[in-house]
Amino acid sequence: MRKGIVGLIGLAFGGLALLAGCDSGDKAAKVPIEPKWKGAPYRIAFDTPPAKPNPVGLALAPVKYTANPEALENRARLVVRFDVSDLTKASENGQIMNQMVMGPIDIHGADGTIPADYMERASNDLSRLFGAYCAKGKVKMTVALARSSLSSNPTDGELDAKRLSDWLPVELAFKNPNKKC
């Protein structure tokens, strides 16, 4: 029985010694966990250029997107901002608009491409706008995706709050079909 008690006491001291050697601190809680996805919820890029130039004057390439799987949206809007410094003609009220917000479009899944007919409509709308402003030559633009709840004429604050992607720059040649310019 003495051997059993001595063995039990030895085992108890060994267990305490083992526990005393372990650091029970919360080092894991101090190390920040890196998020899997950094930046805006969507990343966009231009796909291959259009096969033929748009006869109306301007052709935007299709836009591909990749989304954060934890922040998927079902609908989005394409926003195009452009440099107005080279535009010569102002609108009737003397102002020049520097952005165009397209209508909402369905987007599904973590990867995809904005439909071609939507991009063609954006190209045609931009061509009409640039034609009215008497634009010529290269036009500098940036493109982004935004939530579908974005208004058609957003303030900079609303646009920043509802933007889903970073701005993607592009410079395109514009052939003005307007003969009056």
C-alpha atoms as a PDB file:
ATOM      1  CA  MET A   1       0.000   0.000   0.000  1.00  0.00           C
ATOM      2  CA  ARG A   2       2.935   2.361   0.697  1.00  0.00           C
ATOM      3  CA  LYS A   3       4.145   1.840  -2.841  1.00  0.00           C
ATOM      4  CA  GLY A   4       0.685   2.747  -4.149  1.00  0.00           C
ATOM      5  CA  ILE A   5       0.486   5.944  -2.072  1.00  0.00           C
ATOM      6  CA  VAL A   6       4.033   6.956  -2.976  1.00  0.00           C
ATOM      7  CA  GLY A   7       3.273   6.259  -6.641  1.00  0.00           C
ATOM      8  CA  LEU A   8       0.075   8.301  -6.458  1.00  0.00           C
ATOM      9  CA  ILE A   9       1.887  11.243  -4.828  1.00  0.00           C
ATOM     10  CA  GLY A  10       4.655  10.995  -7.441  1.00  0.00           C
ATOM     11  CA  LEU A  11       2.064  10.995 -10.211  1.00  0.00           C
ATOM     12  CA  ALA A  12       0.341  14.035  -8.705  1.00  0.00           C
ATOM     13  CA  PHE A  13       3.626  15.979  -8.467  1.00  0.00           C
ATOM     14  CA  GLY A  14       4.535  14.964 -12.009  1.00  0.00           C
ATOM     15  CA  GLY A  15       1.171  16.199 -13.291  1.00  0.00           C
ATOM     16  CA  LEU A  16       1.589  19.505 -11.456  1.00  0.00           C
ATOM     17  CA  ALA A  17       5.100  19.886 -12.827  1.00  0.00           C
ATOM     18  CA  LEU A  18       3.775  19.242 -16.332  1.00  0.00           C
ATOM     19  CA  LEU A  19       1.003  21.793 -15.890  1.00  0.00           C
ATOM     20  CA  ALA A  20       3.381  24.340 -14.389  1.00  0.00           C
ATOM     21  CA  GLY A  21       5.557  24.090 -17.488  1.00  0.00           C
ATOM     22  CA  CYS A  22       2.650  24.882 -19.824  1.00  0.00           C
ATOM     23  CA  ASP A  23       1.926  28.486 -20.620  1.00  0.00           C
ATOM     24  CA  SER A  24      -1.750  29.054 -20.125  1.00  0.00           C
ATOM     25  CA  GLY A  25      -1.548  32.597 -21.549  1.00  0.00           C
ATOM     26  CA  ASP A  26      -3.751  33.746 -24.396  1.00  0.00           C
ATOM     27  CA  LYS A  27      -1.087  34.230 -27.075  1.00  0.00           C
ATOM     28  CA  ALA A  28      -3.489  33.025 -29.752  1.00  0.00           C
ATOM     29  CA  ALA A  29      -5.918  35.788 -28.850  1.00  0.00           C
ATOM     30  CA  LYS A  30      -3.205  38.434 -29.418  1.00  0.00           C
ATOM     31  CA  VAL A  31      -2.398  37.314 -32.969  1.00  0.00           C
ATOM     32  CA  PRO A  32      -4.833  38.959 -35.397  1.00  0.00           C
ATOM     33  CA  ILE A  33      -6.508  36.635 -37.848  1.00  0.00           C
ATOM     34  CA  GLU A  34      -5.934  37.737 -41.429  1.00  0.00           C
ATOM     35  CA  PRO A  35      -9.147  37.947 -43.470  1.00  0.00           C
ATOM     36  CA  LYS A  36      -9.251  35.633 -46.466  1.00  0.00           C
ATOM     37  CA  TRP A  37     -10.427  38.449 -48.766  1.00  0.00           C
ATOM     38  CA  LYS A  38      -8.867  41.889 -48.616  1.00  0.00           C
ATOM     39  CA  GLY A  39     -10.269  45.022 -50.200  1.00  0.00           C
ATOM     40  CA  ALA A  40     -13.572  45.698 -51.935  1.00  0.00           C
ATOM     41  CA  PRO A  41     -16.141  42.859 -52.125  1.00  0.00           C
ATOM     42  CA  TYR A  42     -15.737  42.600 -55.924  1.00  0.00           C
ATOM     43  CA  ARG A  43     -12.704  42.728 -58.191  1.00  0.00           C
ATOM     44  CA  ILE A  44     -13.273  43.715 -61.796  1.00  0.00           C
ATOM     45  CA  ALA A  45     -11.161  43.545 -64.938  1.00  0.00           C
ATOM     46  CA  PHE A  46     -11.742  44.067 -68.629  1.00  0.00           C
ATOM     47  CA  ASP A  47     -12.094  40.941 -70.696  1.00  0.00           C
ATOM     48  CA  THR A  48     -10.728  40.812 -74.225  1.00  0.00           C
ATOM     49  CA  PRO A  49     -11.461  43.908 -76.315  1.00  0.00           C
ATOM     50  CA  PRO A  50     -14.607  43.880 -78.450  1.00  0.00           C
ATOM     51  CA  ALA A  51     -14.232  42.104 -81.792  1.00  0.00           C
ATOM     52  CA  LYS A  52     -15.164  45.193 -83.801  1.00  0.00           C
ATOM     53  CA  PRO A  53     -15.371  48.888 -82.987  1.00  0.00           C
ATOM     54  CA  ASN A  54     -18.792  50.232 -82.211  1.00  0.00           C
ATOM     55  CA  PRO A  55     -20.088  52.142 -85.247  1.00  0.00           C
ATOM     56  CA  VAL A  56     -21.699  54.646 -82.874  1.00  0.00           C
ATOM     57  CA  GLY A  57     -18.270  55.818 -81.696  1.00  0.00           C
ATOM     58  CA  LEU A  58     -17.116  53.976 -78.543  1.00  0.00           C
ATOM     59  CA  ALA A  59     -16.936  50.337 -77.413  1.00  0.00           C
ATOM     60  CA  LEU A  60     -16.384  49.260 -73.820  1.00  0.00           C
ATOM     61  CA  ALA A  61     -14.820  45.829 -73.378  1.00  0.00           C
ATOM     62  CA  PRO A  62     -16.793  43.254 -71.368  1.00  0.00           C
ATOM     63  CA  VAL A  63     -16.233  43.486 -67.607  1.00  0.00           C
ATOM     64  CA  LYS A  64     -15.341  40.325 -65.678  1.00  0.00           C
ATOM     65  CA  TYR A  65     -15.886  40.137 -61.926  1.00  0.00           C
ATOM     66  CA  THR A  66     -14.695  37.982 -59.049  1.00  0.00           C
ATOM     67  CA  ALA A  67     -16.521  38.304 -55.737  1.00  0.00           C
ATOM     68  CA  ASN A  68     -15.787  37.642 -52.117  1.00  0.00           C
ATOM     69  CA  PRO A  69     -17.869  34.484 -51.471  1.00  0.00           C
ATOM     70  CA  GLU A  70     -18.931  35.930 -48.118  1.00  0.00           C
ATOM     71  CA  ALA A  71     -20.231  39.192 -49.640  1.00  0.00           C
ATOM     72  CA  LEU A  72     -22.136  38.165 -52.775  1.00  0.00           C
ATOM     73  CA  GLU A  73     -24.702  40.517 -54.292  1.00  0.00           C
ATOM     74  CA  ASN A  74     -27.575  39.565 -56.604  1.00  0.00           C
ATOM     75  CA  ARG A  75     -27.793  42.896 -58.431  1.00  0.00           C
ATOM     76  CA  ALA A  76     -25.362  45.675 -59.216  1.00  0.00           C
ATOM     77  CA  ARG A  77     -24.984  48.823 -61.303  1.00  0.00           C
ATOM     78  CA  LEU A  78     -22.133  49.815 -63.574  1.00  0.00           C
ATOM     79  CA  VAL A  79     -20.778  53.304 -62.862  1.00  0.00           C
ATOM     80  CA  VAL A  80     -18.580  55.089 -65.401  1.00  0.00           C
ATOM     81  CA  ARG A  81     -16.688  58.256 -64.509  1.00  0.00           C
ATOM     82  CA  PHE A  82     -14.875  60.193 -67.188  1.00  0.00           C
ATOM     83  CA  ASP A  83     -12.441  63.061 -67.511  1.00  0.00           C
ATOM     84  CA  VAL A  84     -14.285  66.206 -68.608  1.00  0.00           C
ATOM     85  CA  SER A  85     -11.206  68.396 -69.106  1.00  0.00           C
ATOM     86  CA  ASP A  86     -11.102  67.675 -72.864  1.00  0.00           C
ATOM     87  CA  LEU A  87     -14.835  68.161 -73.452  1.00  0.00           C
ATOM     88  CA  THR A  88     -15.543  71.423 -75.235  1.00  0.00           C
ATOM     89  CA  LYS A  89     -19.303  71.782 -75.170  1.00  0.00           C
ATOM     90  CA  ALA A  90     -21.354  72.020 -71.971  1.00  0.00           C
ATOM     91  CA  SER A  91     -24.982  71.026 -71.590  1.00  0.00           C
ATOM     92  CA  GLU A  92     -27.809  73.539 -71.868  1.00  0.00           C
ATOM     93  CA  ASN A  93     -27.477  74.505 -68.176  1.00  0.00           C
ATOM     94  CA  GLY A  94     -23.726  75.085 -68.542  1.00  0.00           C
ATOM     95  CA  GLN A  95     -22.631  71.983 -66.667  1.00  0.00           C
ATOM     96  CA  ILE A  96     -20.788  68.925 -67.853  1.00  0.00           C
ATOM     97  CA  MET A  97     -21.739  65.630 -66.283  1.00  0.00           C
ATOM     98  CA  ASN A  98     -18.694  63.561 -65.268  1.00  0.00           C
ATOM     99  CA  GLN A  99     -20.324  60.187 -64.603  1.00  0.00           C
ATOM    100  CA  MET A 100     -22.958  57.818 -65.889  1.00  0.00           C
ATOM    101  CA  VAL A 101     -24.796  55.241 -63.745  1.00  0.00           C
ATOM    102  CA  MET A 102     -26.340  52.348 -65.638  1.00  0.00           C
ATOM    103  CA  GLY A 103     -29.498  50.560 -64.528  1.00  0.00           C
ATOM    104  CA  PRO A 104     -29.341  47.519 -62.224  1.00  0.00           C
ATOM    105  CA  ILE A 105     -28.276  44.161 -63.665  1.00  0.00           C
ATOM    106  CA  ASP A 106     -28.457  40.659 -62.200  1.00  0.00           C
ATOM    107  CA  ILE A 107     -25.109  39.183 -61.217  1.00  0.00           C
ATOM    108  CA  HIS A 108     -24.862  35.658 -59.883  1.00  0.00           C
ATOM    109  CA  GLY A 109     -22.058  33.628 -58.379  1.00  0.00           C
ATOM    110  CA  ALA A 110     -18.548  34.454 -57.318  1.00  0.00           C
ATOM    111  CA  ASP A 111     -17.228  34.732 -60.904  1.00  0.00           C
ATOM    112  CA  GLY A 112     -18.798  36.020 -64.067  1.00  0.00           C
ATOM    113  CA  THR A 113     -18.966  38.593 -66.815  1.00  0.00           C
ATOM    114  CA  ILE A 114     -21.379  41.477 -67.210  1.00  0.00           C
ATOM    115  CA  PRO A 115     -23.695  40.543 -70.134  1.00  0.00           C
ATOM    116  CA  ALA A 116     -22.654  41.783 -73.574  1.00  0.00           C
ATOM    117  CA  ASP A 117     -25.968  43.537 -74.287  1.00  0.00           C
ATOM    118  CA  TYR A 118     -25.613  45.541 -71.043  1.00  0.00           C
ATOM    119  CA  MET A 119     -22.080  46.594 -72.010  1.00  0.00           C
ATOM    120  CA  GLU A 120     -23.271  47.490 -75.522  1.00  0.00           C
ATOM    121  CA  ARG A 121     -26.028  49.662 -74.030  1.00  0.00           C
ATOM    122  CA  ALA A 122     -23.408  51.368 -71.818  1.00  0.00           C
ATOM    123  CA  SER A 123     -21.200  51.972 -74.874  1.00  0.00           C
ATOM    124  CA  ASN A 124     -24.119  53.440 -76.842  1.00  0.00           C
ATOM    125  CA  ASP A 125     -25.209  55.694 -73.952  1.00  0.00           C
ATOM    126  CA  LEU A 126     -21.638  56.943 -73.474  1.00  0.00           C
ATOM    127  CA  SER A 127     -21.308  57.539 -77.224  1.00  0.00           C
ATOM    128  CA  ARG A 128     -24.456  59.682 -77.264  1.00  0.00           C
ATOM    129  CA  LEU A 129     -23.259  61.614 -74.219  1.00  0.00           C
ATOM    130  CA  PHE A 130     -19.768  62.213 -75.620  1.00  0.00           C
ATOM    131  CA  GLY A 131     -21.280  63.130 -78.993  1.00  0.00           C
ATOM    132  CA  ALA A 132     -23.465  65.773 -77.326  1.00  0.00           C
ATOM    133  CA  TYR A 133     -20.378  67.162 -75.552  1.00  0.00           C
ATOM    134  CA  CYS A 134     -18.403  67.216 -78.837  1.00  0.00           C
ATOM    135  CA  ALA A 135     -15.696  64.903 -77.519  1.00  0.00           C
ATOM    136  CA  LYS A 136     -12.899  63.862 -79.868  1.00  0.00           C
ATOM    137  CA  GLY A 137     -10.023  61.430 -79.626  1.00  0.00           C
ATOM    138  CA  LYS A 138      -9.030  59.595 -76.445  1.00  0.00           C
ATOM    139  CA  VAL A 139     -11.368  59.680 -73.460  1.00  0.00           C
ATOM    140  CA  LYS A 140     -10.100  58.716 -69.996  1.00  0.00           C
ATOM    141  CA  MET A 141     -12.628  56.795 -67.914  1.00  0.00           C
ATOM    142  CA  THR A 142     -12.883  54.665 -64.795  1.00  0.00           C
ATOM    143  CA  VAL A 143     -15.439  51.920 -64.260  1.00  0.00           C
ATOM    144  CA  ALA A 144     -16.774  50.385 -61.021  1.00  0.00           C
ATOM    145  CA  LEU A 145     -19.591  48.184 -59.764  1.00  0.00           C
ATOM    146  CA  ALA A 146     -21.990  49.547 -57.146  1.00  0.00           C
ATOM    147  CA  ARG A 147     -24.979  48.203 -55.233  1.00  0.00           C
ATOM    148  CA  SER A 148     -28.246  48.278 -57.138  1.00  0.00           C
ATOM    149  CA  SER A 149     -29.717  50.652 -54.526  1.00  0.00           C
ATOM    150  CA  LEU A 150     -27.397  53.431 -55.771  1.00  0.00           C
ATOM    151  CA  SER A 151     -29.395  56.378 -57.093  1.00  0.00           C
ATOM    152  CA  SER A 152     -29.085  57.440 -60.731  1.00  0.00           C
ATOM    153  CA  ASN A 153     -27.401  60.704 -59.750  1.00  0.00           C
ATOM    154  CA  PRO A 154     -25.418  59.851 -56.601  1.00  0.00           C
ATOM    155  CA  THR A 155     -23.308  62.143 -54.492  1.00  0.00           C
ATOM    156  CA  ASP A 156     -19.663  61.196 -53.995  1.00  0.00           C
ATOM    157  CA  GLY A 157     -20.474  60.046 -50.439  1.00  0.00           C
ATOM    158  CA  GLU A 158     -23.314  57.783 -51.558  1.00  0.00           C
ATOM    159  CA  LEU A 159     -21.185  56.352 -54.354  1.00  0.00           C
ATOM    160  CA  ASP A 160     -18.288  55.613 -51.996  1.00  0.00           C
ATOM    161  CA  ALA A 161     -20.641  53.954 -49.491  1.00  0.00           C
ATOM    162  CA  LYS A 162     -22.315  51.730 -52.110  1.00  0.00           C
ATOM    163  CA  ARG A 163     -19.357  50.937 -54.356  1.00  0.00           C
ATOM    164  CA  LEU A 164     -18.653  47.187 -54.607  1.00  0.00           C
ATOM    165  CA  SER A 165     -15.346  47.329 -56.491  1.00  0.00           C
ATOM    166  CA  ASP A 166     -12.333  49.544 -56.868  1.00  0.00           C
ATOM    167  CA  TRP A 167     -12.179  51.881 -59.865  1.00  0.00           C
ATOM    168  CA  LEU A 168     -10.821  50.304 -63.060  1.00  0.00           C
ATOM    169  CA  PRO A 169      -9.173  52.847 -65.402  1.00  0.00           C
ATOM    170  CA  VAL A 170      -9.450  52.721 -69.191  1.00  0.00           C
ATOM    171  CA  GLU A 171      -8.681  55.079 -72.061  1.00  0.00           C
ATOM    172  CA  LEU A 172     -10.678  54.624 -75.253  1.00  0.00           C
ATOM    173  CA  ALA A 173     -10.702  56.322 -78.624  1.00  0.00           C
ATOM    174  CA  PHE A 174     -13.944  58.070 -79.414  1.00  0.00           C
ATOM    175  CA  LYS A 175     -15.014  58.681 -82.996  1.00  0.00           C
ATOM    176  CA  ASN A 176     -17.677  61.354 -82.844  1.00  0.00           C
ATOM    177  CA  PRO A 177     -20.533  60.674 -85.276  1.00  0.00           C
ATOM    178  CA  ASN A 178     -21.958  64.177 -84.617  1.00  0.00           C
ATOM    179  CA  LYS A 179     -21.200  66.258 -87.732  1.00  0.00           C
ATOM    180  CA  LYS A 180     -21.947  69.571 -85.953  1.00  0.00           C
ATOM    181  CA  CYS A 181     -18.823  69.412 -83.778  1.00  0.00           C
END
